[in-house]
Amino acid sequence: LGEADDPLNQDKDLREKHGDFVYDTIKKSQKSSPLSNIFA
């Protein structure tokens, strides 16, 4: 019904340790392209 947990995946630990805002912000910054940071 959902994604299988990857024991090597650190995302769960990051979300539990710092909360949803920190996790979402890191994920958004990783998805954005380098050009969007320069121009936007």
Full PDB file with SEQRES, HELIX, SHEET, SSBOND, CRYST1, ORIGX, SCALE, CONECT and MASTER records, all heavy atoms in Angstrom:
SEQRES   1 A   40  LEU GLY GLU ALA ASP ASP PRO LEU ASN GLN ASP LYS ASP          
SEQRES   2 A   40  LEU ARG GLU LYS HIS GLY ASP PHE VAL TYR ASP THR ILE          
SEQRES   3 A   40  LYS LYS SER GLN LYS SER SER PRO LEU SER ASN ILE PHE          
SEQRES   4 A   40  ALA                                                          
HELIX    1 AA1 ASP A   11  HIS A   18  1                                   8    
HELIX    2 AA2 ASP A   20  LYS A   31  1                                  12    
HELIX    3 AA3 PRO A   34  PHE A   39  1                                   6    
CRYST1    1.000    1.000    1.000  90.00  90.00  90.00 P 1           1          
ORIGX1      1.000000  0.000000  0.000000        0.00000                         
ORIGX2      0.000000  1.000000  0.000000        0.00000                         
ORIGX3      0.000000  0.000000  1.000000        0.00000                         
SCALE1      1.000000  0.000000  0.000000        0.00000                         
SCALE2      0.000000  1.000000  0.000000        0.00000                         
SCALE3      0.000000  0.000000  1.000000        0.00000                         
ATOM      1  N   LEU A   1       0.816  -1.202   0.000  1.00  0.00           N  
ATOM      2  CA  LEU A   1       0.000   0.000   0.000  1.00  0.00           C  
ATOM      3  C   LEU A   1       0.855   1.261   0.000  1.00  0.00           C  
ATOM      4  O   LEU A   1       0.388   2.326  -0.300  1.00  0.00           O  
ATOM      5  CB  LEU A   1      -0.921   0.005   1.215  1.00  0.00           C  
ATOM      6  CG  LEU A   1      -1.945  -1.128   1.253  1.00  0.00           C  
ATOM      7  CD1 LEU A   1      -2.745  -1.067   2.534  1.00  0.00           C  
ATOM      8  CD2 LEU A   1      -2.862  -1.050   0.056  1.00  0.00           C  
ATOM      9  N   GLY A   2       2.104   1.141   0.359  1.00  0.00           N  
ATOM     10  CA  GLY A   2       3.008   2.284   0.387  1.00  0.00           C  
ATOM     11  C   GLY A   2       4.405   1.824   0.054  1.00  0.00           C  
ATOM     12  O   GLY A   2       4.650   0.658  -0.239  1.00  0.00           O  
ATOM     13  N   GLU A   3       5.327   2.760   0.096  1.00  0.00           N  
ATOM     14  CA  GLU A   3       6.705   2.423  -0.201  1.00  0.00           C  
ATOM     15  C   GLU A   3       7.293   1.588   0.924  1.00  0.00           C  
ATOM     16  O   GLU A   3       6.988   1.784   2.102  1.00  0.00           O  
ATOM     17  CB  GLU A   3       7.540   3.697  -0.346  1.00  0.00           C  
ATOM     18  CG  GLU A   3       7.205   4.494  -1.561  1.00  0.00           C  
ATOM     19  CD  GLU A   3       8.107   5.719  -1.685  1.00  0.00           C  
ATOM     20  OE1 GLU A   3       8.705   6.109  -0.679  1.00  0.00           O  
ATOM     21  OE2 GLU A   3       8.205   6.243  -2.788  1.00  0.00           O  
ATOM     22  N   ALA A   4       8.136   0.658   0.542  1.00  0.00           N  
ATOM     23  CA  ALA A   4       8.822  -0.156   1.529  1.00  0.00           C  
ATOM     24  C   ALA A   4       9.894   0.682   2.206  1.00  0.00           C  
ATOM     25  O   ALA A   4      10.501   1.554   1.599  1.00  0.00           O  
ATOM     26  CB  ALA A   4       9.454  -1.375   0.863  1.00  0.00           C  
ATOM     27  N   ASP A   5      10.096   0.439   3.491  1.00  0.00           N  
ATOM     28  CA  ASP A   5      11.126   1.167   4.228  1.00  0.00           C  
ATOM     29  C   ASP A   5      12.501   0.662   3.836  1.00  0.00           C  
ATOM     30  O   ASP A   5      12.758  -0.531   3.822  1.00  0.00           O  
ATOM     31  CB  ASP A   5      10.934   1.006   5.728  1.00  0.00           C  
ATOM     32  CG  ASP A   5       9.705   1.733   6.240  1.00  0.00           C  
ATOM     33  OD1 ASP A   5       9.303   2.719   5.618  1.00  0.00           O  
ATOM     34  OD2 ASP A   5       9.173   1.310   7.272  1.00  0.00           O  
ATOM     35  N   ASP A   6      13.358   1.571   3.512  1.00  0.00           N  
ATOM     36  CA  ASP A   6      14.738   1.254   3.184  1.00  0.00           C  
ATOM     37  C   ASP A   6      15.576   1.489   4.432  1.00  0.00           C  
ATOM     38  O   ASP A   6      15.651   2.610   4.928  1.00  0.00           O  
ATOM     39  CB  ASP A   6      15.217   2.147   2.036  1.00  0.00           C  
ATOM     40  CG  ASP A   6      16.641   1.879   1.625  1.00  0.00           C  
ATOM     41  OD1 ASP A   6      17.288   0.975   2.189  1.00  0.00           O  
ATOM     42  OD2 ASP A   6      17.111   2.589   0.726  1.00  0.00           O  
ATOM     43  N   PRO A   7      16.221   0.449   4.980  1.00  0.00           N  
ATOM     44  CA  PRO A   7      16.982   0.643   6.212  1.00  0.00           C  
ATOM     45  C   PRO A   7      18.145   1.609   6.051  1.00  0.00           C  
ATOM     46  O   PRO A   7      18.639   2.148   7.023  1.00  0.00           O  
ATOM     47  CB  PRO A   7      17.478  -0.765   6.565  1.00  0.00           C  
ATOM     48  CG  PRO A   7      17.354  -1.554   5.320  1.00  0.00           C  
ATOM     49  CD  PRO A   7      16.282  -0.919   4.504  1.00  0.00           C  
ATOM     50  N   LEU A   8      18.585   1.845   4.828  1.00  0.00           N  
ATOM     51  CA  LEU A   8      19.680   2.781   4.607  1.00  0.00           C  
ATOM     52  C   LEU A   8      19.184   4.205   4.396  1.00  0.00           C  
ATOM     53  O   LEU A   8      19.969   5.134   4.294  1.00  0.00           O  
ATOM     54  CB  LEU A   8      20.506   2.339   3.388  1.00  0.00           C  
ATOM     55  CG  LEU A   8      21.148   0.958   3.513  1.00  0.00           C  
ATOM     56  CD1 LEU A   8      21.852   0.595   2.232  1.00  0.00           C  
ATOM     57  CD2 LEU A   8      22.099   0.919   4.684  1.00  0.00           C  
ATOM     58  N   ASN A   9      17.871   4.374   4.320  1.00  0.00           N  
ATOM     59  CA  ASN A   9      17.287   5.689   4.064  1.00  0.00           C  
ATOM     60  C   ASN A   9      17.248   6.498   5.351  1.00  0.00           C  
ATOM     61  O   ASN A   9      16.661   6.080   6.336  1.00  0.00           O  
ATOM     62  CB  ASN A   9      15.881   5.495   3.501  1.00  0.00           C  
ATOM     63  CG  ASN A   9      15.308   6.770   2.963  1.00  0.00           C  
ATOM     64  OD1 ASN A   9      15.839   7.841   3.190  1.00  0.00           O  
ATOM     65  ND2 ASN A   9      14.218   6.647   2.251  1.00  0.00           N  
ATOM     66  N   GLN A  10      17.834   7.656   5.334  1.00  0.00           N  
ATOM     67  CA  GLN A  10      17.913   8.495   6.518  1.00  0.00           C  
ATOM     68  C   GLN A  10      16.756   9.490   6.617  1.00  0.00           C  
ATOM     69  O   GLN A  10      16.677  10.233   7.587  1.00  0.00           O  
ATOM     70  CB  GLN A  10      19.243   9.261   6.517  1.00  0.00           C  
ATOM     71  CG  GLN A  10      20.458   8.371   6.505  1.00  0.00           C  
ATOM     72  CD  GLN A  10      20.534   7.455   7.710  1.00  0.00           C  
ATOM     73  OE1 GLN A  10      20.237   7.863   8.822  1.00  0.00           O  
ATOM     74  NE2 GLN A  10      20.920   6.212   7.497  1.00  0.00           N  
ATOM     75  N   ASP A  11      15.858   9.504   5.620  1.00  0.00           N  
ATOM     76  CA  ASP A  11      14.776  10.490   5.619  1.00  0.00           C  
ATOM     77  C   ASP A  11      13.876  10.353   6.838  1.00  0.00           C  
ATOM     78  O   ASP A  11      13.462  11.351   7.417  1.00  0.00           O  
ATOM     79  CB  ASP A  11      13.934  10.355   4.360  1.00  0.00           C  
ATOM     80  CG  ASP A  11      14.676  10.833   3.127  1.00  0.00           C  
ATOM     81  OD1 ASP A  11      15.751  11.441   3.260  1.00  0.00           O  
ATOM     82  OD2 ASP A  11      14.164  10.591   2.025  1.00  0.00           O  
ATOM     83  N   LYS A  12      13.584   9.132   7.239  1.00  0.00           N  
ATOM     84  CA  LYS A  12      12.692   8.922   8.377  1.00  0.00           C  
ATOM     85  C   LYS A  12      13.316   9.483   9.644  1.00  0.00           C  
ATOM     86  O   LYS A  12      12.648  10.147  10.426  1.00  0.00           O  
ATOM     87  CB  LYS A  12      12.401   7.426   8.529  1.00  0.00           C  
ATOM     88  CG  LYS A  12      11.438   7.122   9.644  1.00  0.00           C  
ATOM     89  CD  LYS A  12      11.143   5.642   9.733  1.00  0.00           C  
ATOM     90  CE  LYS A  12      10.208   5.351  10.881  1.00  0.00           C  
ATOM     91  NZ  LYS A  12       9.997   3.938  11.079  1.00  0.00           N  
ATOM     92  N   ASP A  13      14.613   9.222   9.843  1.00  0.00           N  
ATOM     93  CA  ASP A  13      15.298   9.750  11.021  1.00  0.00           C  
ATOM     94  C   ASP A  13      15.304  11.266  11.016  1.00  0.00           C  
ATOM     95  O   ASP A  13      15.120  11.905  12.049  1.00  0.00           O  
ATOM     96  CB  ASP A  13      16.735   9.228  11.094  1.00  0.00           C  
ATOM     97  CG  ASP A  13      16.789   7.733  11.353  1.00  0.00           C  
ATOM     98  OD1 ASP A  13      15.829   7.189  11.916  1.00  0.00           O  
ATOM     99  OD2 ASP A  13      17.806   7.117  11.002  1.00  0.00           O  
ATOM    100  N   LEU A  14      15.512  11.865   9.859  1.00  0.00           N  
ATOM    101  CA  LEU A  14      15.533  13.316   9.742  1.00  0.00           C  
ATOM    102  C   LEU A  14      14.169  13.895  10.094  1.00  0.00           C  
ATOM    103  O   LEU A  14      14.073  14.868  10.837  1.00  0.00           O  
ATOM    104  CB  LEU A  14      15.927  13.723   8.321  1.00  0.00           C  
ATOM    105  CG  LEU A  14      16.078  15.207   8.057  1.00  0.00           C  
ATOM    106  CD1 LEU A  14      17.245  15.766   8.853  1.00  0.00           C  
ATOM    107  CD2 LEU A  14      16.291  15.457   6.584  1.00  0.00           C  
ATOM    108  N   ARG A  15      13.098  13.277   9.576  1.00  0.00           N  
ATOM    109  CA  ARG A  15      11.747  13.763   9.860  1.00  0.00           C  
ATOM    110  C   ARG A  15      11.423  13.611  11.344  1.00  0.00           C  
ATOM    111  O   ARG A  15      10.866  14.522  11.954  1.00  0.00           O  
ATOM    112  CB  ARG A  15      10.721  13.015   9.020  1.00  0.00           C  
ATOM    113  CG  ARG A  15       9.315  13.579   9.149  1.00  0.00           C  
ATOM    114  CD  ARG A  15       8.295  12.773   8.364  1.00  0.00           C  
ATOM    115  NE  ARG A  15       8.504  12.791   6.948  1.00  0.00           N  
ATOM    116  CZ  ARG A  15       7.928  13.658   6.118  1.00  0.00           C  
ATOM    117  NH1 ARG A  15       7.127  14.581   6.586  1.00  0.00           N  
ATOM    118  NH2 ARG A  15       8.154  13.598   4.837  1.00  0.00           N  
ATOM    119  N   GLU A  16      11.778  12.480  11.952  1.00  0.00           N  
ATOM    120  CA  GLU A  16      11.481  12.269  13.363  1.00  0.00           C  
ATOM    121  C   GLU A  16      12.288  13.189  14.265  1.00  0.00           C  
ATOM    122  O   GLU A  16      11.794  13.681  15.267  1.00  0.00           O  
ATOM    123  CB  GLU A  16      11.750  10.813  13.742  1.00  0.00           C  
ATOM    124  CG  GLU A  16      10.745   9.848  13.187  1.00  0.00           C  
ATOM    125  CD  GLU A  16      11.077   8.394  13.496  1.00  0.00           C  
ATOM    126  OE1 GLU A  16      12.133   8.114  14.089  1.00  0.00           O  
ATOM    127  OE2 GLU A  16      10.256   7.551  13.125  1.00  0.00           O  
ATOM    128  N   LYS A  17      13.524  13.447  13.895  1.00  0.00           N  
ATOM    129  CA  LYS A  17      14.409  14.256  14.737  1.00  0.00           C  
ATOM    130  C   LYS A  17      14.062  15.737  14.681  1.00  0.00           C  
ATOM    131  O   LYS A  17      14.074  16.412  15.694  1.00  0.00           O  
ATOM    132  CB  LYS A  17      15.864  14.050  14.308  1.00  0.00           C  
ATOM    133  CG  LYS A  17      16.860  14.768  15.178  1.00  0.00           C  
ATOM    134  CD  LYS A  17      18.275  14.449  14.750  1.00  0.00           C  
ATOM    135  CE  LYS A  17      19.277  15.212  15.594  1.00  0.00           C  
ATOM    136  NZ  LYS A  17      20.636  14.991  15.142  1.00  0.00           N  
ATOM    137  N   HIS A  18      13.725  16.249  13.482  1.00  0.00           N  
ATOM    138  CA  HIS A  18      13.564  17.688  13.331  1.00  0.00           C  
ATOM    139  C   HIS A  18      12.177  18.136  12.922  1.00  0.00           C  
ATOM    140  O   HIS A  18      11.930  19.335  12.848  1.00  0.00           O  
ATOM    141  CB  HIS A  18      14.576  18.219  12.314  1.00  0.00           C  
ATOM    142  CG  HIS A  18      15.982  17.985  12.728  1.00  0.00           C  
ATOM    143  ND1 HIS A  18      16.566  18.658  13.776  1.00  0.00           N  
ATOM    144  CD2 HIS A  18      16.922  17.142  12.265  1.00  0.00           C  
ATOM    145  CE1 HIS A  18      17.804  18.257  13.924  1.00  0.00           C  
ATOM    146  NE2 HIS A  18      18.040  17.326  13.031  1.00  0.00           N  
ATOM    147  N   GLY A  19      11.295  17.233  12.572  1.00  0.00           N  
ATOM    148  CA  GLY A  19       9.940  17.626  12.218  1.00  0.00           C  
ATOM    149  C   GLY A  19       9.730  17.768  10.724  1.00  0.00           C  
ATOM    150  O   GLY A  19      10.659  17.726   9.925  1.00  0.00           O  
ATOM    151  N   ASP A  20       8.471  17.960  10.376  1.00  0.00           N  
ATOM    152  CA  ASP A  20       8.069  18.015   8.970  1.00  0.00           C  
ATOM    153  C   ASP A  20       8.632  19.227   8.239  1.00  0.00           C  
ATOM    154  O   ASP A  20       9.009  19.136   7.081  1.00  0.00           O  
ATOM    155  CB  ASP A  20       6.547  18.019   8.855  1.00  0.00           C  
ATOM    156  CG  ASP A  20       5.954  16.684   9.264  1.00  0.00           C  
ATOM    157  OD1 ASP A  20       6.631  15.656   9.143  1.00  0.00           O  
ATOM    158  OD2 ASP A  20       4.791  16.691   9.699  1.00  0.00           O  
ATOM    159  N   PHE A  21       8.694  20.378   8.907  1.00  0.00           N  
ATOM    160  CA  PHE A  21       9.161  21.589   8.229  1.00  0.00           C  
ATOM    161  C   PHE A  21      10.599  21.423   7.767  1.00  0.00           C  
ATOM    162  O   PHE A  21      10.943  21.743   6.629  1.00  0.00           O  
ATOM    163  CB  PHE A  21       9.045  22.795   9.162  1.00  0.00           C  
ATOM    164  CG  PHE A  21       9.692  24.022   8.598  1.00  0.00           C  
ATOM    165  CD1 PHE A  21       9.074  24.750   7.603  1.00  0.00           C  
ATOM    166  CD2 PHE A  21      10.936  24.429   9.038  1.00  0.00           C  
ATOM    167  CE1 PHE A  21       9.673  25.864   7.067  1.00  0.00           C  
ATOM    168  CE2 PHE A  21      11.546  25.533   8.511  1.00  0.00           C  
ATOM    169  CZ  PHE A  21      10.920  26.260   7.525  1.00  0.00           C  
ATOM    170  N   VAL A  22      11.466  20.933   8.644  1.00  0.00           N  
ATOM    171  CA  VAL A  22      12.877  20.754   8.299  1.00  0.00           C  
ATOM    172  C   VAL A  22      13.011  19.750   7.160  1.00  0.00           C  
ATOM    173  O   VAL A  22      13.715  19.994   6.180  1.00  0.00           O  
ATOM    174  CB  VAL A  22      13.684  20.294   9.533  1.00  0.00           C  
ATOM    175  CG1 VAL A  22      15.101  19.941   9.166  1.00  0.00           C  
ATOM    176  CG2 VAL A  22      13.668  21.367  10.608  1.00  0.00           C  
ATOM    177  N   TYR A  23      12.318  18.642   7.270  1.00  0.00           N  
ATOM    178  CA  TYR A  23      12.387  17.601   6.246  1.00  0.00           C  
ATOM    179  C   TYR A  23      11.911  18.134   4.894  1.00  0.00           C  
ATOM    180  O   TYR A  23      12.581  17.970   3.874  1.00  0.00           O  
ATOM    181  CB  TYR A  23      11.536  16.409   6.672  1.00  0.00           C  
ATOM    182  CG  TYR A  23      11.472  15.331   5.633  1.00  0.00           C  
ATOM    183  CD1 TYR A  23      12.506  14.413   5.479  1.00  0.00           C  
ATOM    184  CD2 TYR A  23      10.384  15.231   4.780  1.00  0.00           C  
ATOM    185  CE1 TYR A  23      12.444  13.433   4.509  1.00  0.00           C  
ATOM    186  CE2 TYR A  23      10.314  14.252   3.812  1.00  0.00           C  
ATOM    187  CZ  TYR A  23      11.348  13.359   3.688  1.00  0.00           C  
ATOM    188  OH  TYR A  23      11.290  12.397   2.725  1.00  0.00           O  
ATOM    189  N   ASP A  24      10.754  18.811   4.883  1.00  0.00           N  
ATOM    190  CA  ASP A  24      10.207  19.332   3.623  1.00  0.00           C  
ATOM    191  C   ASP A  24      11.122  20.388   3.005  1.00  0.00           C  
ATOM    192  O   ASP A  24      11.299  20.434   1.788  1.00  0.00           O  
ATOM    193  CB  ASP A  24       8.816  19.917   3.849  1.00  0.00           C  
ATOM    194  CG  ASP A  24       7.787  18.857   4.201  1.00  0.00           C  
ATOM    195  OD1 ASP A  24       8.046  17.660   3.915  1.00  0.00           O  
ATOM    196  OD2 ASP A  24       6.741  19.205   4.768  1.00  0.00           O  
ATOM    197  N   THR A  25      11.718  21.234   3.833  1.00  0.00           N  
ATOM    198  CA  THR A  25      12.604  22.274   3.317  1.00  0.00           C  
ATOM    199  C   THR A  25      13.839  21.672   2.681  1.00  0.00           C  
ATOM    200  O   THR A  25      14.277  22.103   1.613  1.00  0.00           O  
ATOM    201  CB  THR A  25      12.994  23.252   4.437  1.00  0.00           C  
ATOM    202  OG1 THR A  25      11.807  23.772   5.025  1.00  0.00           O  
ATOM    203  CG2 THR A  25      13.839  24.386   3.909  1.00  0.00           C  
ATOM    204  N   ILE A  26      14.409  20.658   3.311  1.00  0.00           N  
ATOM    205  CA  ILE A  26      15.585  19.993   2.743  1.00  0.00           C  
ATOM    206  C   ILE A  26      15.221  19.327   1.424  1.00  0.00           C  
ATOM    207  O   ILE A  26      15.949  19.440   0.437  1.00  0.00           O  
ATOM    208  CB  ILE A  26      16.190  18.977   3.737  1.00  0.00           C  
ATOM    209  CG1 ILE A  26      16.855  19.718   4.892  1.00  0.00           C  
ATOM    210  CG2 ILE A  26      17.181  18.054   3.049  1.00  0.00           C  
ATOM    211  CD1 ILE A  26      17.326  18.825   6.002  1.00  0.00           C  
ATOM    212  N   LYS A  27      14.097  18.651   1.374  1.00  0.00           N  
ATOM    213  CA  LYS A  27      13.686  17.982   0.149  1.00  0.00           C  
ATOM    214  C   LYS A  27      13.431  18.994  -0.979  1.00  0.00           C  
ATOM    215  O   LYS A  27      13.799  18.756  -2.122  1.00  0.00           O  
ATOM    216  CB  LYS A  27      12.433  17.126   0.380  1.00  0.00           C  
ATOM    217  CG  LYS A  27      12.732  15.886   1.184  1.00  0.00           C  
ATOM    218  CD  LYS A  27      13.759  15.056   0.456  1.00  0.00           C  
ATOM    219  CE  LYS A  27      14.327  13.982   1.305  1.00  0.00           C  
ATOM    220  NZ  LYS A  27      15.492  13.342   0.744  1.00  0.00           N  
ATOM    221  N   LYS A  28      12.807  20.120  -0.653  1.00  0.00           N  
ATOM    222  CA  LYS A  28      12.569  21.148  -1.667  1.00  0.00           C  
ATOM    223  C   LYS A  28      13.885  21.714  -2.182  1.00  0.00           C  
ATOM    224  O   LYS A  28      14.045  21.958  -3.372  1.00  0.00           O  
ATOM    225  CB  LYS A  28      11.721  22.280  -1.101  1.00  0.00           C  
ATOM    226  CG  LYS A  28      10.265  21.945  -0.980  1.00  0.00           C  
ATOM    227  CD  LYS A  28       9.495  23.110  -0.381  1.00  0.00           C  
ATOM    228  CE  LYS A  28       8.082  22.718  -0.047  1.00  0.00           C  
ATOM    229  NZ  LYS A  28       7.368  23.787   0.647  1.00  0.00           N  
ATOM    230  N   SER A  29      14.832  21.939  -1.276  1.00  0.00           N  
ATOM    231  CA  SER A  29      16.109  22.514  -1.710  1.00  0.00           C  
ATOM    232  C   SER A  29      16.894  21.512  -2.554  1.00  0.00           C  
ATOM    233  O   SER A  29      17.642  21.904  -3.437  1.00  0.00           O  
ATOM    234  CB  SER A  29      16.932  22.966  -0.505  1.00  0.00           C  
ATOM    235  OG  SER A  29      17.401  21.859   0.231  1.00  0.00           O  
ATOM    236  N   GLN A  30      16.730  20.223  -2.305  1.00  0.00           N  
ATOM    237  CA  GLN A  30      17.426  19.220  -3.104  1.00  0.00           C  
ATOM    238  C   GLN A  30      16.808  19.082  -4.484  1.00  0.00           C  
ATOM    239  O   GLN A  30      17.495  18.763  -5.441  1.00  0.00           O  
ATOM    240  CB  GLN A  30      17.396  17.867  -2.391  1.00  0.00           C  
ATOM    241  CG  GLN A  30      18.276  17.825  -1.166  1.00  0.00           C  
ATOM    242  CD  GLN A  30      18.103  16.541  -0.372  1.00  0.00           C  
ATOM    243  OE1 GLN A  30      17.159  15.778  -0.579  1.00  0.00           O  
ATOM    244  NE2 GLN A  30      19.012  16.305   0.543  1.00  0.00           N  
ATOM    245  N   LYS A  31      15.502  19.336  -4.603  1.00  0.00           N  
ATOM    246  CA  LYS A  31      14.823  19.185  -5.888  1.00  0.00           C  
ATOM    247  C   LYS A  31      15.007  20.392  -6.796  1.00  0.00           C  
ATOM    248  O   LYS A  31      14.878  20.276  -7.998  1.00  0.00           O  
ATOM    249  CB  LYS A  31      13.319  18.958  -5.666  1.00  0.00           C  
ATOM    250  CG  LYS A  31      13.003  17.602  -5.115  1.00  0.00           C  
ATOM    251  CD  LYS A  31      11.521  17.439  -4.910  1.00  0.00           C  
ATOM    252  CE  LYS A  31      11.208  16.105  -4.269  1.00  0.00           C  
ATOM    253  NZ  LYS A  31       9.794  15.944  -3.999  1.00  0.00           N  
ATOM    254  N   SER A  32      15.274  21.552  -6.220  1.00  0.00           N  
ATOM    255  CA  SER A  32      15.383  22.747  -7.061  1.00  0.00           C  
ATOM    256  C   SER A  32      16.678  22.721  -7.851  1.00  0.00           C  
ATOM    257  O   SER A  32      17.687  22.206  -7.411  1.00  0.00           O  
ATOM    258  CB  SER A  32      15.312  24.005  -6.197  1.00  0.00           C  
ATOM    259  OG  SER A  32      16.448  24.082  -5.375  1.00  0.00           O  
ATOM    260  N   SER A  33      16.615  23.291  -9.022  1.00  0.00           N  
ATOM    261  CA  SER A  33      17.802  23.316  -9.876  1.00  0.00           C  
ATOM    262  C   SER A  33      18.719  24.451  -9.455  1.00  0.00           C  
ATOM    263  O   SER A  33      18.273  25.436  -8.887  1.00  0.00           O  
ATOM    264  CB  SER A  33      17.387  23.499 -11.336  1.00  0.00           C  
ATOM    265  OG  SER A  33      16.927  24.812 -11.529  1.00  0.00           O  
ATOM    266  N   PRO A  34      20.027  24.327  -9.725  1.00  0.00           N  
ATOM    267  CA  PRO A  34      20.956  25.395  -9.367  1.00  0.00           C  
ATOM    268  C   PRO A  34      20.605  26.718 -10.044  1.00  0.00           C  
ATOM    269  O   PRO A  34      20.803  27.777  -9.476  1.00  0.00           O  
ATOM    270  CB  PRO A  34      22.307  24.878  -9.860  1.00  0.00           C  
ATOM    271  CG  PRO A  34      22.151  23.398  -9.977  1.00  0.00           C  
ATOM    272  CD  PRO A  34      20.704  23.162 -10.271  1.00  0.00           C  
ATOM    273  N   LEU A  35      20.057  26.666 -11.268  1.00  0.00           N  
ATOM    274  CA  LEU A  35      19.714  27.899 -11.967  1.00  0.00           C  
ATOM    275  C   LEU A  35      18.555  28.628 -11.302  1.00  0.00           C  
ATOM    276  O   LEU A  35      18.518  29.856 -11.298  1.00  0.00           O  
ATOM    277  CB  LEU A  35      19.375  27.606 -13.427  1.00  0.00           C  
ATOM    278  CG  LEU A  35      20.541  27.151 -14.300  1.00  0.00           C  
ATOM    279  CD1 LEU A  35      20.057  26.835 -15.700  1.00  0.00           C  
ATOM    280  CD2 LEU A  35      21.625  28.218 -14.338  1.00  0.00           C  
ATOM    281  N   SER A  36      17.629  27.875 -10.705  1.00  0.00           N  
ATOM    282  CA  SER A  36      16.492  28.549 -10.072  1.00  0.00           C  
ATOM    283  C   SER A  36      16.955  29.358  -8.870  1.00  0.00           C  
ATOM    284  O   SER A  36      16.399  30.407  -8.572  1.00  0.00           O  
ATOM    285  CB  SER A  36      15.423  27.538  -9.660  1.00  0.00           C  
ATOM    286  OG  SER A  36      15.894  26.713  -8.614  1.00  0.00           O  
ATOM    287  N   ASN A  37      17.970  28.892  -8.149  1.00  0.00           N  
ATOM    288  CA  ASN A  37      18.493  29.658  -7.020  1.00  0.00           C  
ATOM    289  C   ASN A  37      19.191  30.927  -7.484  1.00  0.00           C  
ATOM    290  O   ASN A  37      19.127  31.952  -6.821  1.00  0.00           O  
ATOM    291  CB  ASN A  37      19.467  28.809  -6.190  1.00  0.00           C  
ATOM    292  CG  ASN A  37      18.756  27.777  -5.360  1.00  0.00           C  
ATOM    293  OD1 ASN A  37      17.558  27.886  -5.130  1.00  0.00           O  
ATOM    294  ND2 ASN A  37      19.472  26.778  -4.915  1.00  0.00           N  
ATOM    295  N   ILE A  38      19.860  30.876  -8.615  1.00  0.00           N  
ATOM    296  CA  ILE A  38      20.576  32.050  -9.111  1.00  0.00           C  
ATOM    297  C   ILE A  38      19.591  33.107  -9.578  1.00  0.00           C  
ATOM    298  O   ILE A  38      19.702  34.275  -9.236  1.00  0.00           O  
ATOM    299  CB  ILE A  38      21.525  31.655 -10.275  1.00  0.00           C  
ATOM    300  CG1 ILE A  38      22.655  30.791  -9.732  1.00  0.00           C  
ATOM    301  CG2 ILE A  38      22.069  32.896 -10.965  1.00  0.00           C  
ATOM    302  CD1 ILE A  38      23.503  30.152 -10.812  1.00  0.00           C  
ATOM    303  N   PHE A  39      18.588  32.693 -10.348  1.00  0.00           N  
ATOM    304  CA  PHE A  39      17.684  33.659 -10.946  1.00  0.00           C  
ATOM    305  C   PHE A  39      16.549  34.077 -10.021  1.00  0.00           C  
ATOM    306  O   PHE A  39      16.133  35.216 -10.033  1.00  0.00           O  
ATOM    307  CB  PHE A  39      17.108  33.112 -12.253  1.00  0.00           C  
ATOM    308  CG  PHE A  39      18.160  32.954 -13.303  1.00  0.00           C  
ATOM    309  CD1 PHE A  39      18.491  31.702 -13.797  1.00  0.00           C  
ATOM    310  CD2 PHE A  39      18.848  34.051 -13.792  1.00  0.00           C  
ATOM    311  CE1 PHE A  39      19.471  31.557 -14.764  1.00  0.00           C  
ATOM    312  CE2 PHE A  39      19.834  33.913 -14.758  1.00  0.00           C  
ATOM    313  CZ  PHE A  39      20.150  32.658 -15.242  1.00  0.00           C  
ATOM    314  N   ALA A  40      16.052  33.164  -9.211  1.00  0.00           N  
ATOM    315  CA  ALA A  40      14.901  33.494  -8.379  1.00  0.00           C  
ATOM    316  C   ALA A  40      15.294  34.120  -7.062  1.00  0.00           C  
ATOM    317  O   ALA A  40      14.481  34.741  -6.398  1.00  0.00           O  
ATOM    318  CB  ALA A  40      14.067  32.236  -8.123  1.00  0.00           C  
TER     319      ALA A  40                                                      
MASTER        0    0    0    3    0    0    0    6  318    1    0    4          
END                                                                             
